[in-house]
Structures are given as C-alpha cells and as structure tokens.
Amino acid sequence: VKYAELVIMLDLLRSAWCTAGFQQLLVRPVPRVF
C-alpha cells in the first residue's frame, strides 16, 4: 500500500468516524516488533 493510497483510506475513515458520532480517536499503532 502506497502512502497516497493510505491517505485516501484514512481520510475516508475519518469522515466515517465523524458520521458515526465519534469526536476523538485514541490509537496505539502496531509496534515494529509485531
């Protein structure tokens, strides 16, 4: 997955989260070791 594609994915996700009523995202991305 290229970065430009990832940005589109995440922008769409962000819009969907807002539509679903979420105001904040708290996230711990998968660490390198895993």
PDB file of all heavy atoms in Angstrom:
ATOM      1  N   VAL A   1       0.841  -1.189   0.000  1.00  0.00           N
ATOM      2  CA  VAL A   1       0.000   0.000   0.000  1.00  0.00           C
ATOM      3  C   VAL A   1       0.880   1.244   0.000  1.00  0.00           C
ATOM      4  O   VAL A   1       1.720   1.426   0.885  1.00  0.00           O
ATOM      5  CB  VAL A   1      -0.942   0.021   1.221  1.00  0.00           C
ATOM      6  CG1 VAL A   1      -1.697   1.332   1.294  1.00  0.00           C
ATOM      7  CG2 VAL A   1      -1.913  -1.149   1.154  1.00  0.00           C
ATOM      8  N   LYS A   2       0.700   2.116  -0.982  1.00  0.00           N
ATOM      9  CA  LYS A   2       1.498   3.332  -1.080  1.00  0.00           C
ATOM     10  C   LYS A   2       0.921   4.436  -0.193  1.00  0.00           C
ATOM     11  O   LYS A   2      -0.259   4.401   0.182  1.00  0.00           O
ATOM     12  CB  LYS A   2       1.570   3.798  -2.537  1.00  0.00           C
ATOM     13  CG  LYS A   2       2.330   2.818  -3.441  1.00  0.00           C
ATOM     14  CD  LYS A   2       2.374   3.304  -4.869  1.00  0.00           C
ATOM     15  CE  LYS A   2       3.298   2.452  -5.722  1.00  0.00           C
ATOM     16  NZ  LYS A   2       2.942   1.027  -5.719  1.00  0.00           N
ATOM     17  N   TYR A   3       1.752   5.402   0.120  1.00  0.00           N
ATOM     18  CA  TYR A   3       1.321   6.434   1.069  1.00  0.00           C
ATOM     19  C   TYR A   3       0.109   7.209   0.547  1.00  0.00           C
ATOM     20  O   TYR A   3      -0.828   7.489   1.311  1.00  0.00           O
ATOM     21  CB  TYR A   3       2.466   7.406   1.361  1.00  0.00           C
ATOM     22  CG  TYR A   3       2.070   8.472   2.367  1.00  0.00           C
ATOM     23  CD1 TYR A   3       1.896   8.153   3.702  1.00  0.00           C
ATOM     24  CD2 TYR A   3       1.825   9.783   1.964  1.00  0.00           C
ATOM     25  CE1 TYR A   3       1.502   9.108   4.631  1.00  0.00           C
ATOM     26  CE2 TYR A   3       1.434  10.752   2.877  1.00  0.00           C
ATOM     27  CZ  TYR A   3       1.275  10.410   4.210  1.00  0.00           C
ATOM     28  OH  TYR A   3       0.875  11.348   5.123  1.00  0.00           O
ATOM     29  N   ALA A   4       0.107   7.548  -0.746  1.00  0.00           N
ATOM     30  CA  ALA A   4      -1.024   8.306  -1.292  1.00  0.00           C
ATOM     31  C   ALA A   4      -2.327   7.523  -1.153  1.00  0.00           C
ATOM     32  O   ALA A   4      -3.389   8.094  -0.875  1.00  0.00           O
ATOM     33  CB  ALA A   4      -0.765   8.648  -2.759  1.00  0.00           C
ATOM     34  N   GLU A   5      -2.263   6.209  -1.334  1.00  0.00           N
ATOM     35  CA  GLU A   5      -3.441   5.360  -1.176  1.00  0.00           C
ATOM     36  C   GLU A   5      -3.869   5.320   0.288  1.00  0.00           C
ATOM     37  O   GLU A   5      -5.067   5.382   0.607  1.00  0.00           O
ATOM     38  CB  GLU A   5      -3.119   3.953  -1.676  1.00  0.00           C
ATOM     39  CG  GLU A   5      -4.278   2.983  -1.619  1.00  0.00           C
ATOM     40  CD  GLU A   5      -3.886   1.599  -2.104  1.00  0.00           C
ATOM     41  OE1 GLU A   5      -2.719   1.389  -2.481  1.00  0.00           O
ATOM     42  OE2 GLU A   5      -4.765   0.713  -2.091  1.00  0.00           O
ATOM     43  N   LEU A   6      -2.891   5.218   1.178  1.00  0.00           N
ATOM     44  CA  LEU A   6      -3.192   5.183   2.609  1.00  0.00           C
ATOM     45  C   LEU A   6      -3.881   6.466   3.065  1.00  0.00           C
ATOM     46  O   LEU A   6      -4.813   6.428   3.873  1.00  0.00           O
ATOM     47  CB  LEU A   6      -1.901   4.953   3.397  1.00  0.00           C
ATOM     48  CG  LEU A   6      -1.998   4.895   4.914  1.00  0.00           C
ATOM     49  CD1 LEU A   6      -1.094   3.793   5.463  1.00  0.00           C
ATOM     50  CD2 LEU A   6      -1.604   6.231   5.537  1.00  0.00           C
ATOM     51  N   VAL A   7      -3.439   7.598   2.547  1.00  0.00           N
ATOM     52  CA  VAL A   7      -4.069   8.871   2.919  1.00  0.00           C
ATOM     53  C   VAL A   7      -5.534   8.885   2.527  1.00  0.00           C
ATOM     54  O   VAL A   7      -6.399   9.335   3.297  1.00  0.00           O
ATOM     55  CB  VAL A   7      -3.310  10.053   2.271  1.00  0.00           C
ATOM     56  CG1 VAL A   7      -4.102  11.346   2.417  1.00  0.00           C
ATOM     57  CG2 VAL A   7      -1.930  10.211   2.903  1.00  0.00           C
ATOM     58  N   ILE A   8      -5.853   8.380   1.325  1.00  0.00           N
ATOM     59  CA  ILE A   8      -7.252   8.311   0.905  1.00  0.00           C
ATOM     60  C   ILE A   8      -8.046   7.432   1.859  1.00  0.00           C
ATOM     61  O   ILE A   8      -9.149   7.784   2.296  1.00  0.00           O
ATOM     62  CB  ILE A   8      -7.349   7.773  -0.544  1.00  0.00           C
ATOM     63  CG1 ILE A   8      -6.698   8.742  -1.522  1.00  0.00           C
ATOM     64  CG2 ILE A   8      -8.813   7.536  -0.920  1.00  0.00           C
ATOM     65  CD1 ILE A   8      -6.563   8.198  -2.933  1.00  0.00           C
ATOM     66  N   MET A   9      -7.486   6.271   2.202  1.00  0.00           N
ATOM     67  CA  MET A   9      -8.159   5.365   3.126  1.00  0.00           C
ATOM     68  C   MET A   9      -8.459   6.045   4.461  1.00  0.00           C
ATOM     69  O   MET A   9      -9.580   5.987   4.977  1.00  0.00           O
ATOM     70  CB  MET A   9      -7.278   4.135   3.387  1.00  0.00           C
ATOM     71  CG  MET A   9      -7.080   3.218   2.211  1.00  0.00           C
ATOM     72  SD  MET A   9      -5.968   1.852   2.685  1.00  0.00           S
ATOM     73  CE  MET A   9      -5.990   0.867   1.194  1.00  0.00           C
ATOM     74  N   LEU A  10      -7.446   6.678   5.025  1.00  0.00           N
ATOM     75  CA  LEU A  10      -7.602   7.278   6.350  1.00  0.00           C
ATOM     76  C   LEU A  10      -8.523   8.495   6.324  1.00  0.00           C
ATOM     77  O   LEU A  10      -9.273   8.729   7.276  1.00  0.00           O
ATOM     78  CB  LEU A  10      -6.225   7.636   6.920  1.00  0.00           C
ATOM     79  CG  LEU A  10      -5.378   6.424   7.322  1.00  0.00           C
ATOM     80  CD1 LEU A  10      -3.930   6.827   7.586  1.00  0.00           C
ATOM     81  CD2 LEU A  10      -5.959   5.736   8.558  1.00  0.00           C
ATOM     82  N   ASP A  11      -8.481   9.259   5.251  1.00  0.00           N
ATOM     83  CA  ASP A  11      -9.401  10.392   5.145  1.00  0.00           C
ATOM     84  C   ASP A  11     -10.853   9.908   5.079  1.00  0.00           C
ATOM     85  O   ASP A  11     -11.751  10.506   5.693  1.00  0.00           O
ATOM     86  CB  ASP A  11      -9.067  11.230   3.906  1.00  0.00           C
ATOM     87  CG  ASP A  11      -7.803  12.060   4.080  1.00  0.00           C
ATOM     88  OD1 ASP A  11      -7.318  12.182   5.230  1.00  0.00           O
ATOM     89  OD2 ASP A  11      -7.295  12.588   3.073  1.00  0.00           O
ATOM     90  N   LEU A  12     -11.085   8.820   4.350  1.00  0.00           N
ATOM     91  CA  LEU A  12     -12.430   8.256   4.287  1.00  0.00           C
ATOM     92  C   LEU A  12     -12.851   7.692   5.649  1.00  0.00           C
ATOM     93  O   LEU A  12     -14.003   7.839   6.066  1.00  0.00           O
ATOM     94  CB  LEU A  12     -12.491   7.164   3.221  1.00  0.00           C
ATOM     95  CG  LEU A  12     -12.415   7.631   1.763  1.00  0.00           C
ATOM     96  CD1 LEU A  12     -12.290   6.432   0.831  1.00  0.00           C
ATOM     97  CD2 LEU A  12     -13.645   8.450   1.394  1.00  0.00           C
ATOM     98  N   LEU A  13     -11.923   7.052   6.329  1.00  0.00           N
ATOM     99  CA  LEU A  13     -12.215   6.536   7.661  1.00  0.00           C
ATOM    100  C   LEU A  13     -12.574   7.670   8.613  1.00  0.00           C
ATOM    101  O   LEU A  13     -13.547   7.580   9.377  1.00  0.00           O
ATOM    102  CB  LEU A  13     -11.019   5.754   8.215  1.00  0.00           C
ATOM    103  CG  LEU A  13     -10.851   4.313   7.735  1.00  0.00           C
ATOM    104  CD1 LEU A  13      -9.516   3.761   8.215  1.00  0.00           C
ATOM    105  CD2 LEU A  13     -11.986   3.430   8.237  1.00  0.00           C
ATOM    106  N   ARG A  14     -11.801   8.734   8.544  1.00  0.00           N
ATOM    107  CA  ARG A  14     -12.060   9.861   9.446  1.00  0.00           C
ATOM    108  C   ARG A  14     -13.462  10.422   9.223  1.00  0.00           C
ATOM    109  O   ARG A  14     -14.183  10.716  10.191  1.00  0.00           O
ATOM    110  CB  ARG A  14     -11.004  10.951   9.230  1.00  0.00           C
ATOM    111  CG  ARG A  14     -11.209  12.147  10.135  1.00  0.00           C
ATOM    112  CD  ARG A  14     -10.063  13.119  10.040  1.00  0.00           C
ATOM    113  NE  ARG A  14     -10.260  14.194  10.998  1.00  0.00           N
ATOM    114  CZ  ARG A  14      -9.289  14.973  11.451  1.00  0.00           C
ATOM    115  NH1 ARG A  14      -8.049  14.791  11.048  1.00  0.00           N
ATOM    116  NH2 ARG A  14      -9.550  15.925  12.326  1.00  0.00           N
ATOM    117  N   SER A  15     -13.847  10.541   7.993  1.00  0.00           N
ATOM    118  CA  SER A  15     -15.185  11.030   7.685  1.00  0.00           C
ATOM    119  C   SER A  15     -16.250  10.081   8.224  1.00  0.00           C
ATOM    120  O   SER A  15     -17.264  10.505   8.790  1.00  0.00           O
ATOM    121  CB  SER A  15     -15.342  11.197   6.170  1.00  0.00           C
ATOM    122  OG  SER A  15     -16.649  11.609   5.835  1.00  0.00           O
ATOM    123  N   ALA A  16     -16.002   8.758   8.097  1.00  0.00           N
ATOM    124  CA  ALA A  16     -16.951   7.768   8.588  1.00  0.00           C
ATOM    125  C   ALA A  16     -17.042   7.809  10.113  1.00  0.00           C
ATOM    126  O   ALA A  16     -18.135   7.662  10.676  1.00  0.00           O
ATOM    127  CB  ALA A  16     -16.536   6.374   8.116  1.00  0.00           C
ATOM    128  N   TRP A  17     -15.905   8.009  10.784  1.00  0.00           N
ATOM    129  CA  TRP A  17     -15.921   8.104  12.249  1.00  0.00           C
ATOM    130  C   TRP A  17     -16.767   9.296  12.709  1.00  0.00           C
ATOM    131  O   TRP A  17     -17.532   9.187  13.655  1.00  0.00           O
ATOM    132  CB  TRP A  17     -14.506   8.233  12.800  1.00  0.00           C
ATOM    133  CG  TRP A  17     -13.625   7.058  12.518  1.00  0.00           C
ATOM    134  CD1 TRP A  17     -14.015   5.751  12.332  1.00  0.00           C
ATOM    135  CD2 TRP A  17     -12.203   7.070  12.361  1.00  0.00           C
ATOM    136  NE1 TRP A  17     -12.920   4.960  12.082  1.00  0.00           N
ATOM    137  CE2 TRP A  17     -11.800   5.730  12.094  1.00  0.00           C
ATOM    138  CE3 TRP A  17     -11.223   8.058  12.424  1.00  0.00           C
ATOM    139  CZ2 TRP A  17     -10.466   5.374  11.907  1.00  0.00           C
ATOM    140  CZ3 TRP A  17      -9.894   7.711  12.240  1.00  0.00           C
ATOM    141  CH2 TRP A  17      -9.527   6.387  11.975  1.00  0.00           C
ATOM    142  N   CYS A  18     -16.570  10.409  12.044  1.00  0.00           N
ATOM    143  CA  CYS A  18     -17.343  11.601  12.412  1.00  0.00           C
ATOM    144  C   CYS A  18     -18.841  11.375  12.186  1.00  0.00           C
ATOM    145  O   CYS A  18     -19.668  11.746  13.028  1.00  0.00           O
ATOM    146  CB  CYS A  18     -16.859  12.809  11.610  1.00  0.00           C
ATOM    147  SG  CYS A  18     -15.199  13.381  12.046  1.00  0.00           S
ATOM    148  N   THR A  19     -19.176  10.756  11.045  1.00  0.00           N
ATOM    149  CA  THR A  19     -20.579  10.462  10.754  1.00  0.00           C
ATOM    150  C   THR A  19     -21.173   9.532  11.811  1.00  0.00           C
ATOM    151  O   THR A  19     -22.355   9.642  12.164  1.00  0.00           O
ATOM    152  CB  THR A  19     -20.709   9.824   9.365  1.00  0.00           C
ATOM    153  OG1 THR A  19     -20.210  10.738   8.380  1.00  0.00           O
ATOM    154  CG2 THR A  19     -22.155   9.480   9.044  1.00  0.00           C
ATOM    155  N   ALA A  20     -20.351   8.634  12.343  1.00  0.00           N
ATOM    156  CA  ALA A  20     -20.799   7.691  13.364  1.00  0.00           C
ATOM    157  C   ALA A  20     -20.899   8.331  14.754  1.00  0.00           C
ATOM    158  O   ALA A  20     -21.316   7.670  15.701  1.00  0.00           O
ATOM    159  CB  ALA A  20     -19.869   6.493  13.422  1.00  0.00           C
ATOM    160  N   GLY A  21     -20.493   9.595  14.869  1.00  0.00           N
ATOM    161  CA  GLY A  21     -20.640  10.308  16.123  1.00  0.00           C
ATOM    162  C   GLY A  21     -19.412  10.360  17.003  1.00  0.00           C
ATOM    163  O   GLY A  21     -19.478  10.849  18.140  1.00  0.00           O
ATOM    164  N   PHE A  22     -18.290   9.894  16.497  1.00  0.00           N
ATOM    165  CA  PHE A  22     -17.062   9.946  17.290  1.00  0.00           C
ATOM    166  C   PHE A  22     -16.409  11.319  17.185  1.00  0.00           C
ATOM    167  O   PHE A  22     -16.395  11.941  16.121  1.00  0.00           O
ATOM    168  CB  PHE A  22     -16.080   8.861  16.844  1.00  0.00           C
ATOM    169  CG  PHE A  22     -16.555   7.470  17.159  1.00  0.00           C
ATOM    170  CD1 PHE A  22     -17.003   6.629  16.144  1.00  0.00           C
ATOM    171  CD2 PHE A  22     -16.589   7.019  18.466  1.00  0.00           C
ATOM    172  CE1 PHE A  22     -17.463   5.352  16.431  1.00  0.00           C
ATOM    173  CE2 PHE A  22     -17.048   5.742  18.767  1.00  0.00           C
ATOM    174  CZ  PHE A  22     -17.483   4.919  17.743  1.00  0.00           C
ATOM    175  N   GLN A  23     -15.857  11.776  18.293  1.00  0.00           N
ATOM    176  CA  GLN A  23     -15.223  13.088  18.356  1.00  0.00           C
ATOM    177  C   GLN A  23     -13.708  13.000  18.507  1.00  0.00           C
ATOM    178  O   GLN A  23     -12.993  13.945  18.171  1.00  0.00           O
ATOM    179  CB  GLN A  23     -15.813  13.887  19.522  1.00  0.00           C
ATOM    180  CG  GLN A  23     -17.309  14.150  19.385  1.00  0.00           C
ATOM    181  CD  GLN A  23     -17.906  14.805  20.619  1.00  0.00           C
ATOM    182  OE1 GLN A  23     -17.190  15.214  21.542  1.00  0.00           O
ATOM    183  NE2 GLN A  23     -19.235  14.909  20.656  1.00  0.00           N
ATOM    184  N   GLN A  24     -13.226  11.853  19.011  1.00  0.00           N
ATOM    185  CA  GLN A  24     -11.791  11.665  19.196  1.00  0.00           C
ATOM    186  C   GLN A  24     -11.397  10.245  18.810  1.00  0.00           C
ATOM    187  O   GLN A  24     -12.211   9.317  18.885  1.00  0.00           O
ATOM    188  CB  GLN A  24     -11.388  11.910  20.659  1.00  0.00           C
ATOM    189  CG  GLN A  24     -11.463  13.352  21.110  1.00  0.00           C
ATOM    190  CD  GLN A  24     -10.978  13.499  22.550  1.00  0.00           C
ATOM    191  OE1 GLN A  24     -11.349  12.717  23.417  1.00  0.00           O
ATOM    192  NE2 GLN A  24     -10.139  14.489  22.798  1.00  0.00           N
ATOM    193  N   LEU A  25     -10.143  10.099  18.411  1.00  0.00           N
ATOM    194  CA  LEU A  25      -9.546   8.788  18.161  1.00  0.00           C
ATOM    195  C   LEU A  25      -8.359   8.626  19.105  1.00  0.00           C
ATOM    196  O   LEU A  25      -7.457   9.463  19.113  1.00  0.00           O
ATOM    197  CB  LEU A  25      -9.075   8.668  16.714  1.00  0.00           C
ATOM    198  CG  LEU A  25      -8.223   7.426  16.392  1.00  0.00           C
ATOM    199  CD1 LEU A  25      -9.076   6.156  16.470  1.00  0.00           C
ATOM    200  CD2 LEU A  25      -7.571   7.555  15.009  1.00  0.00           C
ATOM    201  N   LEU A  26      -8.367   7.556  19.889  1.00  0.00           N
ATOM    202  CA  LEU A  26      -7.234   7.203  20.744  1.00  0.00           C
ATOM    203  C   LEU A  26      -6.662   5.916  20.187  1.00  0.00           C
ATOM    204  O   LEU A  26      -7.348   4.883  20.158  1.00  0.00           O
ATOM    205  CB  LEU A  26      -7.689   7.009  22.193  1.00  0.00           C
ATOM    206  CG  LEU A  26      -6.585   6.758  23.229  1.00  0.00           C
ATOM    207  CD1 LEU A  26      -5.739   8.022  23.425  1.00  0.00           C
ATOM    208  CD2 LEU A  26      -7.191   6.320  24.561  1.00  0.00           C
ATOM    209  N   VAL A  27      -5.407   5.949  19.733  1.00  0.00           N
ATOM    210  CA  VAL A  27      -4.878   4.807  18.992  1.00  0.00           C
ATOM    211  C   VAL A  27      -3.424   4.526  19.358  1.00  0.00           C
ATOM    212  O   VAL A  27      -2.615   5.432  19.493  1.00  0.00           O
ATOM    213  CB  VAL A  27      -5.014   5.035  17.462  1.00  0.00           C
ATOM    214  CG1 VAL A  27      -4.306   6.299  17.013  1.00  0.00           C
ATOM    215  CG2 VAL A  27      -4.511   3.827  16.680  1.00  0.00           C
ATOM    216  N   ARG A  28      -3.142   3.224  19.515  1.00  0.00           N
ATOM    217  CA  ARG A  28      -1.772   2.742  19.668  1.00  0.00           C
ATOM    218  C   ARG A  28      -1.464   1.877  18.448  1.00  0.00           C
ATOM    219  O   ARG A  28      -1.878   0.711  18.393  1.00  0.00           O
ATOM    220  CB  ARG A  28      -1.629   1.926  20.956  1.00  0.00           C
ATOM    221  CG  ARG A  28      -1.816   2.713  22.230  1.00  0.00           C
ATOM    222  CD  ARG A  28      -1.696   1.841  23.484  1.00  0.00           C
ATOM    223  NE  ARG A  28      -2.754   0.836  23.520  1.00  0.00           N
ATOM    224  CZ  ARG A  28      -3.970   1.046  24.026  1.00  0.00           C
ATOM    225  NH1 ARG A  28      -4.282   2.238  24.525  1.00  0.00           N
ATOM    226  NH2 ARG A  28      -4.872   0.079  24.032  1.00  0.00           N
ATOM    227  N   PRO A  29      -0.764   2.412  17.447  1.00  0.00           N
ATOM    228  CA  PRO A  29      -0.457   1.627  16.249  1.00  0.00           C
ATOM    229  C   PRO A  29       0.380   0.397  16.593  1.00  0.00           C
ATOM    230  O   PRO A  29       1.091   0.364  17.598  1.00  0.00           O
ATOM    231  CB  PRO A  29       0.333   2.613  15.378  1.00  0.00           C
ATOM    232  CG  PRO A  29      -0.081   3.972  15.863  1.00  0.00           C
ATOM    233  CD  PRO A  29      -0.296   3.806  17.336  1.00  0.00           C
ATOM    234  N   VAL A  30       0.297  -0.606  15.735  1.00  0.00           N
ATOM    235  CA  VAL A  30       1.042  -1.845  15.947  1.00  0.00           C
ATOM    236  C   VAL A  30       2.535  -1.531  15.992  1.00  0.00           C
ATOM    237  O   VAL A  30       3.083  -0.956  15.049  1.00  0.00           O
ATOM    238  CB  VAL A  30       0.764  -2.856  14.825  1.00  0.00           C
ATOM    239  CG1 VAL A  30       1.482  -4.181  15.115  1.00  0.00           C
ATOM    240  CG2 VAL A  30      -0.734  -3.078  14.654  1.00  0.00           C
ATOM    241  N   PRO A  31       3.235  -1.890  17.083  1.00  0.00           N
ATOM    242  CA  PRO A  31       4.667  -1.594  17.178  1.00  0.00           C
ATOM    243  C   PRO A  31       5.492  -2.389  16.172  1.00  0.00           C
ATOM    244  O   PRO A  31       5.060  -3.442  15.673  1.00  0.00           O
ATOM    245  CB  PRO A  31       5.019  -2.005  18.615  1.00  0.00           C
ATOM    246  CG  PRO A  31       3.727  -2.091  19.344  1.00  0.00           C
ATOM    247  CD  PRO A  31       2.713  -2.485  18.315  1.00  0.00           C
ATOM    248  N   ARG A  32       6.681  -1.907  15.915  1.00  0.00           N
ATOM    249  CA  ARG A  32       7.587  -2.519  14.944  1.00  0.00           C
ATOM    250  C   ARG A  32       7.803  -4.008  15.214  1.00  0.00           C
ATOM    251  O   ARG A  32       7.812  -4.827  14.290  1.00  0.00           O
ATOM    252  CB  ARG A  32       8.932  -1.790  14.989  1.00  0.00           C
ATOM    253  CG  ARG A  32      10.006  -2.369  14.068  1.00  0.00           C
ATOM    254  CD  ARG A  32      11.333  -1.650  14.281  1.00  0.00           C
ATOM    255  NE  ARG A  32      11.199  -0.234  14.029  1.00  0.00           N
ATOM    256  CZ  ARG A  32      11.337   0.339  12.839  1.00  0.00           C
ATOM    257  NH1 ARG A  32      11.621  -0.407  11.779  1.00  0.00           N
ATOM    258  NH2 ARG A  32      11.210   1.644  12.690  1.00  0.00           N
ATOM    259  N   VAL A  33       7.981  -4.388  16.470  1.00  0.00           N
ATOM    260  CA  VAL A  33       8.350  -5.764  16.801  1.00  0.00           C
ATOM    261  C   VAL A  33       7.314  -6.775  16.337  1.00  0.00           C
ATOM    262  O   VAL A  33       7.651  -7.931  16.046  1.00  0.00           O
ATOM    263  CB  VAL A  33       8.585  -5.911  18.329  1.00  0.00           C
ATOM    264  CG1 VAL A  33       7.347  -5.573  19.130  1.00  0.00           C
ATOM    265  CG2 VAL A  33       9.079  -7.305  18.681  1.00  0.00           C
ATOM    266  N   PHE A  34       6.053  -6.370  16.192  1.00  0.00           N
ATOM    267  CA  PHE A  34       4.990  -7.303  15.845  1.00  0.00           C
ATOM    268  C   PHE A  34       4.631  -7.270  14.364  1.00  0.00           C
ATOM    269  O   PHE A  34       3.631  -7.868  13.962  1.00  0.00           O
ATOM    270  CB  PHE A  34       3.750  -7.012  16.687  1.00  0.00           C
ATOM    271  CG  PHE A  34       4.009  -7.065  18.176  1.00  0.00           C
ATOM    272  CD1 PHE A  34       3.781  -5.961  18.980  1.00  0.00           C
ATOM    273  CD2 PHE A  34       4.512  -8.212  18.759  1.00  0.00           C
ATOM    274  CE1 PHE A  34       4.030  -6.003  20.346  1.00  0.00           C
ATOM    275  CE2 PHE A  34       4.767  -8.275  20.127  1.00  0.00           C
ATOM    276  CZ  PHE A  34       4.523  -7.167  20.916  1.00  0.00           C
TER     277      PHE A  34
END
